[in-house]
Amino acid sequence: MLPTAEPPFDPIFVDEPLLIPNYEETIISTVGLPFYADVTRPDEVPADERERTIDLAERILRASGVRIGFGHHEKVRTSMESWAPNADEECDADPGYWRSHVLLMSPQEMNFGQLDGEPEERYKKAKTVLAWARECIDSDVLQEIERSQAEDIKQAWYDAAEAELSQREIEQFAEDPPEALDGWTKLDADYDAVTVAYVADNHGTPSVAAVFEGADSELKAREFTLEEWKENDGNPREARPNRFCVTTDGDGAYAQLRSHLLTFEVESMEPLEV
């Protein structure tokens, strides 16, 4: 069972609740953040039950084809239009409810699973899709789609929490670089432009990875061979880089350097060796 947002996401096609209360706090705590950390809700996570209903309906439409028993989008439209006049109505006082909302959906909406209109209109269309699906699509397929939605919601929150944790660690690294990190040892750099540097034996090549201020006053992160570093008296503006430092978990030179230090399996070098 997955944890859930507030208000709760009630199951639609599955028999058991897929989500339990307060899942954001659970995931935030699991990745190593304090449970009360402020992690912004990912854009792909529905904000409430209505958005979740719309998202589920669009997923069902996008699954059109052999998976839901229709070989072509046109058959989806035909099925929905055939189903609506004889379907049980949501509201006795509005005997054309389903039919009217089926007719409001364009072929493009059905074909591409992207419901158009104001939020209330999209919600009514989504409920129409779910009512049609319940009667016209195999229940096992609908349950699979709903479980997939719950898993995607959970994963989106994990990714957001891990990104927040990485950002905090990057900021801490920039503010107070550790004396050693994953085999790299902090190096006392004499050149004024260098803000922090580390040394290690990187796959047989003694190397220095550093953050420094370039000639354009922008901070840069580069790796140099120790030989090149020494030949240029520790001046990274003159030394030829051995590698650029890149990152996938943050922006800026410190994020690049930290990611670089954590990426390579290196052997430590004592400062005296430098």
Protein backbone atom coordinates (compact mmCIF):
# COMPACT_ATOMS: atom_id res chain seq x y z
CA MET A 1 0.00 0.00 0.00
CA LEU A 2 1.24 3.47 -0.85
CA PRO A 3 0.82 6.55 1.32
CA THR A 4 -1.42 9.33 0.03
CA ALA A 5 -1.95 13.06 -0.05
CA GLU A 6 -4.65 14.97 1.77
CA PRO A 7 -7.49 14.84 0.81
CA PRO A 8 -7.29 11.02 0.44
CA PHE A 9 -7.37 9.42 -2.98
CA ASP A 10 -10.24 6.97 -2.82
CA PRO A 11 -9.85 3.84 -4.93
CA ILE A 12 -11.89 3.86 -8.13
CA PHE A 13 -11.26 0.54 -9.86
CA VAL A 14 -9.22 -1.36 -7.27
CA ASP A 15 -10.83 -2.94 -4.22
CA GLU A 16 -8.28 -1.84 -1.64
CA PRO A 17 -6.95 1.67 -0.92
CA LEU A 18 -3.74 2.23 -2.84
CA LEU A 19 -2.72 5.20 -0.72
CA ILE A 20 -2.59 5.90 3.00
CA PRO A 21 -2.52 9.31 4.73
CA ASN A 22 0.49 11.61 4.92
CA TYR A 23 2.66 9.94 2.32
CA GLU A 24 4.61 13.11 1.59
CA GLU A 25 6.00 13.16 5.13
CA THR A 26 6.73 9.42 4.96
CA ILE A 27 8.72 9.72 1.74
CA ILE A 28 10.49 12.89 2.85
CA SER A 29 11.65 11.12 6.00
CA THR A 30 12.64 7.97 4.10
CA VAL A 31 15.12 9.78 1.85
CA GLY A 32 16.87 11.35 4.84
CA LEU A 33 15.16 14.72 5.23
CA PRO A 34 13.31 15.75 8.38
CA PHE A 35 9.63 14.86 7.88
CA TYR A 36 8.66 18.51 8.20
CA ALA A 37 10.95 19.63 5.34
CA ASP A 38 9.27 21.86 2.79
CA VAL A 39 9.31 19.93 -0.48
CA THR A 40 7.28 21.49 -3.28
CA ARG A 41 4.61 19.23 -4.74
CA PRO A 42 5.83 17.98 -8.14
CA ASP A 43 3.88 19.33 -11.12
CA GLU A 44 2.96 15.83 -12.24
CA VAL A 45 1.29 14.99 -8.91
CA PRO A 46 -2.45 15.80 -8.82
CA ALA A 47 -3.24 18.46 -6.22
CA ASP A 48 -6.59 16.97 -5.21
CA GLU A 49 -9.14 14.28 -5.98
CA ARG A 50 -10.50 16.13 -8.99
CA GLU A 51 -7.09 16.47 -10.62
CA ARG A 52 -6.40 12.84 -9.85
CA THR A 53 -9.69 11.83 -11.54
CA ILE A 54 -8.80 13.87 -14.64
CA ASP A 55 -5.31 12.35 -14.75
CA LEU A 56 -6.70 8.81 -14.45
CA ALA A 57 -9.22 9.40 -17.23
CA GLU A 58 -6.53 10.78 -19.51
CA ARG A 59 -4.31 7.77 -18.78
CA ILE A 60 -7.14 5.46 -19.81
CA LEU A 61 -7.65 7.34 -23.07
CA ARG A 62 -3.89 7.32 -23.78
CA ALA A 63 -3.88 3.55 -23.24
CA SER A 64 -6.26 3.17 -26.18
CA GLY A 65 -5.51 0.26 -28.47
CA VAL A 66 -5.10 -3.44 -27.91
CA ARG A 67 -4.37 -2.86 -24.21
CA ILE A 68 -7.92 -1.69 -23.46
CA GLY A 69 -9.60 -3.74 -26.15
CA PHE A 70 -9.88 -1.15 -28.92
CA GLY A 71 -7.70 -1.42 -32.00
CA HIS A 72 -8.17 2.20 -33.05
CA HIS A 73 -9.06 5.53 -31.45
CA GLU A 74 -12.13 5.77 -33.68
CA LYS A 75 -13.47 2.63 -31.98
CA VAL A 76 -13.11 4.38 -28.62
CA ARG A 77 -15.28 7.25 -29.83
CA THR A 78 -17.84 4.87 -31.36
CA SER A 79 -17.98 2.80 -28.18
CA MET A 80 -18.44 5.83 -25.98
CA GLU A 81 -21.17 7.29 -28.16
CA SER A 82 -22.97 3.93 -28.25
CA TRP A 83 -22.68 3.47 -24.51
CA ALA A 84 -23.85 6.92 -23.39
CA PRO A 85 -27.57 6.83 -24.34
CA ASN A 86 -28.19 3.58 -22.49
CA ALA A 87 -25.88 4.12 -19.53
CA ASP A 88 -27.11 4.55 -15.98
CA GLU A 89 -27.32 8.28 -15.43
CA GLU A 90 -25.36 10.03 -12.70
CA CYS A 91 -28.26 12.38 -12.04
CA ASP A 92 -31.94 11.45 -12.40
CA ALA A 93 -32.84 15.09 -13.02
CA ASP A 94 -30.44 15.23 -15.96
CA PRO A 95 -31.21 12.21 -18.16
CA GLY A 96 -28.75 13.29 -20.86
CA TYR A 97 -25.76 13.75 -18.52
CA TRP A 98 -23.38 11.14 -19.95
CA ARG A 99 -24.47 11.73 -23.53
CA SER A 100 -23.94 15.48 -23.31
CA HIS A 101 -20.42 15.13 -21.95
CA VAL A 102 -19.47 12.50 -24.50
CA LEU A 103 -20.59 14.88 -27.24
CA LEU A 104 -18.52 17.67 -25.66
CA MET A 105 -15.33 15.65 -26.11
CA SER A 106 -13.56 16.21 -29.38
CA PRO A 107 -11.90 13.38 -31.34
CA GLN A 108 -8.55 14.97 -30.49
CA GLU A 109 -9.30 14.74 -26.76
CA MET A 110 -10.18 11.07 -27.10
CA ASN A 111 -7.25 10.32 -29.39
CA PHE A 112 -4.52 11.99 -27.33
CA GLY A 113 -5.89 11.72 -23.79
CA GLN A 114 -5.79 15.45 -23.13
CA LEU A 115 -9.12 16.77 -21.83
CA ASP A 116 -9.75 20.43 -22.62
CA GLY A 117 -11.78 23.16 -20.92
CA GLU A 118 -12.11 24.78 -17.53
CA PRO A 119 -11.36 22.58 -14.49
CA GLU A 120 -15.04 21.82 -13.82
CA GLU A 121 -15.66 20.89 -17.45
CA ARG A 122 -12.58 18.68 -17.54
CA TYR A 123 -13.70 16.98 -14.33
CA LYS A 124 -17.14 16.17 -15.78
CA LYS A 125 -15.55 14.78 -18.93
CA ALA A 126 -13.17 12.70 -16.79
CA LYS A 127 -16.04 11.21 -14.77
CA THR A 128 -17.76 10.36 -18.04
CA VAL A 129 -14.63 8.54 -19.26
CA LEU A 130 -14.38 6.59 -15.99
CA ALA A 131 -18.07 5.61 -16.10
CA TRP A 132 -17.68 4.41 -19.70
CA ALA A 133 -14.45 2.57 -18.87
CA ARG A 134 -16.03 0.72 -15.95
CA GLU A 135 -18.61 -0.83 -18.29
CA CYS A 136 -16.57 -1.21 -21.47
CA ILE A 137 -12.99 -2.05 -20.44
CA ASP A 138 -11.69 -5.12 -18.63
CA SER A 139 -11.43 -4.46 -14.89
CA ASP A 140 -7.93 -5.96 -14.67
CA VAL A 141 -6.67 -3.38 -17.18
CA LEU A 142 -8.32 -0.50 -15.30
CA GLN A 143 -6.82 -1.69 -12.02
CA GLU A 144 -3.39 -1.89 -13.64
CA ILE A 145 -3.71 1.69 -14.91
CA GLU A 146 -4.84 2.95 -11.51
CA ARG A 147 -1.99 1.18 -9.71
CA SER A 148 0.45 2.61 -12.24
CA GLN A 149 -0.88 6.10 -11.50
CA ALA A 150 -0.32 5.58 -7.77
CA GLU A 151 3.22 4.32 -8.36
CA ASP A 152 4.00 7.32 -10.57
CA ILE A 153 2.70 9.69 -7.90
CA LYS A 154 4.85 8.00 -5.29
CA GLN A 155 7.95 8.08 -7.53
CA ALA A 156 7.44 11.76 -8.33
CA TRP A 157 7.49 12.56 -4.62
CA TYR A 158 10.59 10.43 -4.09
CA ASP A 159 12.36 12.28 -6.91
CA ALA A 160 11.34 15.66 -5.50
CA ALA A 161 12.46 14.74 -1.98
CA GLU A 162 15.79 13.38 -3.22
CA ALA A 163 16.35 16.54 -5.28
CA GLU A 164 15.69 18.66 -2.19
CA LEU A 165 18.11 16.52 -0.16
CA SER A 166 20.78 16.85 -2.86
CA GLN A 167 20.32 20.62 -2.98
CA ARG A 168 20.77 20.88 0.78
CA GLU A 169 23.90 18.73 0.62
CA ILE A 170 25.29 20.86 -2.22
CA GLU A 171 24.67 24.05 -0.24
CA GLN A 172 26.36 22.52 2.81
CA PHE A 173 29.30 21.40 0.66
CA ALA A 174 29.71 24.92 -0.78
CA GLU A 175 29.48 26.54 2.64
CA ASP A 176 31.85 24.17 4.43
CA PRO A 177 33.75 21.76 2.13
CA PRO A 178 34.79 18.64 4.06
CA GLU A 179 38.41 17.70 4.56
CA ALA A 180 37.85 14.48 2.61
CA LEU A 181 35.09 13.09 0.41
CA ASP A 182 34.86 9.61 -1.08
CA GLY A 183 38.64 9.16 -1.40
CA TRP A 184 39.45 12.76 -2.34
CA THR A 185 41.49 14.81 0.12
CA LYS A 186 41.22 18.57 0.47
CA LEU A 187 44.25 20.36 -0.93
CA ASP A 188 45.66 23.63 0.34
CA ALA A 189 45.70 25.75 -2.81
CA ASP A 190 47.90 28.85 -2.92
CA TYR A 191 46.40 30.49 -5.98
CA ASP A 192 43.89 33.18 -5.00
CA ALA A 193 41.31 32.24 -7.63
CA VAL A 194 40.91 28.73 -6.19
CA THR A 195 38.06 28.48 -3.69
CA VAL A 196 38.45 24.75 -2.96
CA ALA A 197 40.49 21.87 -4.40
CA TYR A 198 40.81 18.13 -3.81
CA VAL A 199 43.46 15.62 -4.79
CA ALA A 200 43.32 11.85 -5.44
CA ASP A 201 44.72 9.12 -7.66
CA ASN A 202 42.02 8.87 -10.31
CA HIS A 203 42.41 5.54 -12.13
CA GLY A 204 46.20 5.70 -11.99
CA THR A 205 46.51 9.43 -12.66
CA PRO A 206 47.20 11.75 -9.71
CA SER A 207 44.59 14.46 -10.18
CA VAL A 208 43.31 17.73 -8.73
CA ALA A 209 39.62 18.70 -8.93
CA ALA A 210 38.85 22.30 -8.06
CA VAL A 211 36.38 25.15 -8.07
CA PHE A 212 37.97 28.41 -9.12
CA GLU A 213 37.10 31.84 -10.41
CA GLY A 214 37.72 32.09 -14.13
CA ALA A 215 39.00 35.14 -15.98
CA ASP A 216 35.36 36.12 -16.59
CA SER A 217 34.75 36.06 -12.79
CA GLU A 218 32.45 33.04 -13.14
CA LEU A 219 33.05 30.01 -10.91
CA LYS A 220 34.16 26.92 -12.81
CA ALA A 221 34.74 23.29 -11.83
CA ARG A 222 37.49 21.34 -13.55
CA GLU A 223 39.79 18.37 -13.01
CA PHE A 224 43.53 18.66 -13.82
CA THR A 225 46.33 16.17 -13.74
CA LEU A 226 48.56 16.82 -10.74
CA GLU A 227 51.49 17.21 -13.11
CA GLU A 228 49.70 19.96 -15.08
CA TRP A 229 48.64 21.61 -11.81
CA LYS A 230 52.23 21.72 -10.53
CA GLU A 231 53.70 22.92 -13.82
CA ASN A 232 51.38 25.94 -13.68
CA ASP A 233 52.01 26.61 -9.97
CA GLY A 234 48.42 25.73 -9.06
CA ASN A 235 46.95 28.34 -11.43
CA PRO A 236 43.81 26.72 -12.91
CA ARG A 237 43.42 29.58 -15.38
CA GLU A 238 46.65 28.53 -17.08
CA ALA A 239 46.60 24.77 -16.56
CA ARG A 240 45.02 22.57 -19.24
CA PRO A 241 41.96 20.75 -17.85
CA ASN A 242 41.93 16.99 -17.87
CA ARG A 243 38.14 16.79 -17.46
CA PHE A 244 35.15 19.04 -17.07
CA CYS A 245 33.09 18.41 -13.96
CA VAL A 246 29.40 17.84 -14.70
CA THR A 247 26.40 17.04 -12.55
CA THR A 248 22.85 15.80 -12.83
CA ASP A 249 21.74 16.76 -9.32
CA GLY A 250 22.19 20.54 -9.21
CA ASP A 251 23.45 23.66 -10.93
CA GLY A 252 26.65 25.59 -10.36
CA ALA A 253 30.32 24.86 -9.88
CA TYR A 254 30.04 23.42 -6.36
CA ALA A 255 27.31 21.01 -7.48
CA GLN A 256 29.54 19.95 -10.38
CA LEU A 257 32.58 19.45 -8.17
CA ARG A 258 30.67 17.50 -5.52
CA SER A 259 29.10 15.24 -8.15
CA HIS A 260 32.53 14.73 -9.73
CA LEU A 261 34.09 13.69 -6.43
CA LEU A 262 31.30 11.19 -5.81
CA THR A 263 31.38 9.74 -9.33
CA PHE A 264 34.90 8.34 -9.66
CA GLU A 265 36.38 5.45 -7.70
CA VAL A 266 39.72 6.91 -6.64
CA GLU A 267 42.60 6.07 -4.31
CA SER A 268 43.43 8.57 -1.60
CA MET A 269 46.66 10.55 -1.71
CA GLU A 270 48.25 12.06 1.34
CA PRO A 271 48.86 15.82 1.19
CA LEU A 272 52.62 15.19 1.54
CA GLU A 273 52.53 13.32 -1.79
CA VAL A 274 51.42 16.56 -3.42
